[in-house]
Amino acid sequence: MRCSQTGTNESPHGDLPSQGIHAVATARAHQPPKVRVFIEALRTRFGDPPYWERGEAPA
C-alpha cells in the first residue's frame, strides 16, 4: 500500500506495530448474508488461523 504523504510504501511514522484482524458481528443466525460473505472472504484471503500466525509468507 502506498502512503499518500510520502508517495512510497513506507509510513512517515516509521514501523507500526502489527495488528490483528477481528470481525465482530451478531450471532450467525442473525447476520445479513453480506456480512457472512465478507467474513468468509477474510478467512479465505488470510486463512484460519491467519498466515502470519502459522509463520508463512502472504500468498
N, C-alpha and C. Protein backbone atom coordinates (compact mmCIF):
# COMPACT_ATOMS: atom_id res chain seq x y z
N MET A 1 0.85 -1.16 0.00
CA MET A 1 0.00 0.00 0.00
C MET A 1 0.90 1.23 0.00
N ARG A 2 0.60 2.19 -0.83
CA ARG A 2 1.40 3.39 -0.92
C ARG A 2 0.89 4.44 0.07
N CYS A 3 1.83 5.10 0.69
CA CYS A 3 1.50 6.17 1.63
C CYS A 3 1.20 7.43 0.84
N SER A 4 0.08 8.07 1.12
CA SER A 4 -0.29 9.29 0.39
C SER A 4 0.60 10.46 0.77
N GLN A 5 1.22 10.43 1.94
CA GLN A 5 2.06 11.54 2.38
C GLN A 5 3.46 11.48 1.78
N THR A 6 4.04 10.28 1.68
CA THR A 6 5.41 10.17 1.21
C THR A 6 5.51 9.69 -0.24
N GLY A 7 4.45 9.11 -0.77
CA GLY A 7 4.48 8.56 -2.12
C GLY A 7 5.29 7.27 -2.23
N THR A 8 5.62 6.69 -1.09
CA THR A 8 6.38 5.45 -1.07
C THR A 8 5.56 4.38 -0.36
N ASN A 9 6.16 3.20 -0.22
CA ASN A 9 5.50 2.12 0.50
C ASN A 9 5.80 2.18 1.99
N GLU A 10 6.49 3.23 2.44
CA GLU A 10 6.84 3.36 3.84
C GLU A 10 5.97 4.40 4.53
N SER A 11 5.68 4.16 5.77
CA SER A 11 4.89 5.10 6.56
C SER A 11 5.78 6.25 7.01
N PRO A 12 5.26 7.48 7.02
CA PRO A 12 6.06 8.59 7.54
C PRO A 12 6.27 8.49 9.05
N HIS A 13 5.58 7.57 9.69
CA HIS A 13 5.66 7.39 11.14
C HIS A 13 6.59 6.26 11.54
N GLY A 14 7.32 5.70 10.58
CA GLY A 14 8.21 4.58 10.88
C GLY A 14 7.45 3.28 10.95
N ASP A 15 8.07 2.28 11.54
CA ASP A 15 7.42 0.97 11.66
C ASP A 15 6.24 1.06 12.62
N LEU A 16 5.15 0.52 12.19
CA LEU A 16 3.95 0.50 13.03
C LEU A 16 3.82 -0.88 13.66
N PRO A 17 3.23 -0.98 14.83
CA PRO A 17 3.05 -2.29 15.45
C PRO A 17 2.08 -3.14 14.63
N SER A 18 2.33 -4.44 14.63
CA SER A 18 1.43 -5.32 13.89
C SER A 18 0.08 -5.38 14.61
N GLN A 19 -0.95 -5.55 13.85
CA GLN A 19 -2.31 -5.60 14.38
C GLN A 19 -3.01 -6.84 13.86
N GLY A 20 -3.90 -7.38 14.64
CA GLY A 20 -4.71 -8.49 14.19
C GLY A 20 -5.93 -7.98 13.45
N ILE A 21 -6.60 -8.89 12.79
CA ILE A 21 -7.85 -8.55 12.10
C ILE A 21 -8.96 -9.27 12.86
N HIS A 22 -9.96 -8.52 13.27
CA HIS A 22 -11.06 -9.10 14.03
C HIS A 22 -12.38 -8.73 13.36
N ALA A 23 -13.26 -9.69 13.25
CA ALA A 23 -14.61 -9.44 12.75
C ALA A 23 -15.57 -9.63 13.92
N VAL A 24 -16.22 -8.57 14.32
CA VAL A 24 -17.18 -8.63 15.42
C VAL A 24 -18.56 -8.46 14.82
N ALA A 25 -19.41 -9.44 15.02
CA ALA A 25 -20.74 -9.40 14.42
C ALA A 25 -21.74 -10.07 15.35
N THR A 26 -22.99 -9.92 15.03
CA THR A 26 -24.05 -10.58 15.81
C THR A 26 -23.99 -12.08 15.59
N ALA A 27 -24.79 -12.80 16.33
CA ALA A 27 -24.84 -14.25 16.18
C ALA A 27 -25.08 -14.61 14.72
N ARG A 28 -24.45 -15.68 14.28
CA ARG A 28 -24.51 -16.07 12.86
C ARG A 28 -25.94 -16.18 12.34
N ALA A 29 -26.86 -16.62 13.17
CA ALA A 29 -28.25 -16.77 12.73
C ALA A 29 -28.89 -15.43 12.40
N HIS A 30 -28.35 -14.34 12.95
CA HIS A 30 -28.94 -13.01 12.73
C HIS A 30 -28.10 -12.14 11.80
N GLN A 31 -27.04 -12.71 11.21
CA GLN A 31 -26.19 -11.93 10.32
C GLN A 31 -26.81 -11.79 8.93
N PRO A 32 -26.74 -10.61 8.36
CA PRO A 32 -27.15 -10.46 6.96
C PRO A 32 -26.20 -11.28 6.07
N PRO A 33 -26.68 -11.79 4.96
CA PRO A 33 -25.82 -12.58 4.06
C PRO A 33 -24.54 -11.85 3.64
N LYS A 34 -24.61 -10.53 3.43
CA LYS A 34 -23.42 -9.77 3.02
C LYS A 34 -22.33 -9.84 4.09
N VAL A 35 -22.72 -9.83 5.35
CA VAL A 35 -21.74 -9.90 6.44
C VAL A 35 -21.09 -11.27 6.45
N ARG A 36 -21.89 -12.32 6.31
CA ARG A 36 -21.35 -13.68 6.28
C ARG A 36 -20.37 -13.86 5.13
N VAL A 37 -20.72 -13.35 3.96
CA VAL A 37 -19.84 -13.46 2.79
C VAL A 37 -18.55 -12.69 3.01
N PHE A 38 -18.63 -11.49 3.60
CA PHE A 38 -17.44 -10.70 3.86
C PHE A 38 -16.50 -11.41 4.83
N ILE A 39 -17.04 -11.96 5.92
CA ILE A 39 -16.21 -12.66 6.89
C ILE A 39 -15.58 -13.90 6.25
N GLU A 40 -16.32 -14.60 5.45
CA GLU A 40 -15.78 -15.77 4.77
C GLU A 40 -14.68 -15.37 3.79
N ALA A 41 -14.83 -14.23 3.13
CA ALA A 41 -13.78 -13.73 2.22
C ALA A 41 -12.50 -13.42 3.00
N LEU A 42 -12.64 -12.84 4.20
CA LEU A 42 -11.46 -12.60 5.04
C LEU A 42 -10.78 -13.91 5.41
N ARG A 43 -11.56 -14.91 5.80
CA ARG A 43 -10.99 -16.21 6.16
C ARG A 43 -10.27 -16.83 4.97
N THR A 44 -10.89 -16.73 3.79
CA THR A 44 -10.28 -17.29 2.59
C THR A 44 -8.98 -16.59 2.25
N ARG A 45 -8.97 -15.27 2.34
CA ARG A 45 -7.78 -14.49 1.97
C ARG A 45 -6.64 -14.66 2.96
N PHE A 46 -6.95 -14.63 4.26
CA PHE A 46 -5.89 -14.63 5.26
C PHE A 46 -5.71 -15.98 5.95
N GLY A 47 -6.66 -16.88 5.85
CA GLY A 47 -6.55 -18.19 6.47
C GLY A 47 -7.16 -18.20 7.86
N ASP A 48 -7.31 -19.39 8.39
CA ASP A 48 -7.86 -19.55 9.73
C ASP A 48 -7.11 -20.70 10.41
N PRO A 49 -6.04 -20.46 11.17
CA PRO A 49 -5.53 -19.17 11.63
C PRO A 49 -4.84 -18.41 10.50
N PRO A 50 -4.66 -17.09 10.66
CA PRO A 50 -4.04 -16.28 9.62
C PRO A 50 -2.62 -16.74 9.32
N TYR A 51 -2.18 -16.49 8.09
CA TYR A 51 -0.87 -16.97 7.65
C TYR A 51 0.26 -16.48 8.55
N TRP A 52 0.15 -15.28 9.13
CA TRP A 52 1.25 -14.78 9.96
C TRP A 52 1.35 -15.53 11.28
N GLU A 53 0.25 -16.12 11.74
CA GLU A 53 0.31 -16.93 12.96
C GLU A 53 0.86 -18.31 12.67
N ARG A 54 0.85 -18.73 11.41
CA ARG A 54 1.43 -20.00 11.01
C ARG A 54 2.89 -19.85 10.59
N GLY A 55 3.39 -18.59 10.58
CA GLY A 55 4.78 -18.36 10.20
C GLY A 55 5.00 -18.44 8.70
N GLU A 56 3.98 -18.19 7.90
CA GLU A 56 4.08 -18.26 6.46
C GLU A 56 4.09 -16.87 5.85
N ALA A 57 4.55 -16.79 4.62
CA ALA A 57 4.54 -15.54 3.87
C ALA A 57 3.15 -15.35 3.23
N PRO A 58 2.75 -14.10 2.96
CA PRO A 58 1.45 -13.89 2.33
C PRO A 58 1.41 -14.48 0.93
N ALA A 59 0.24 -14.90 0.51
CA ALA A 59 0.08 -15.52 -0.82
C ALA A 59 0.00 -14.46 -1.89
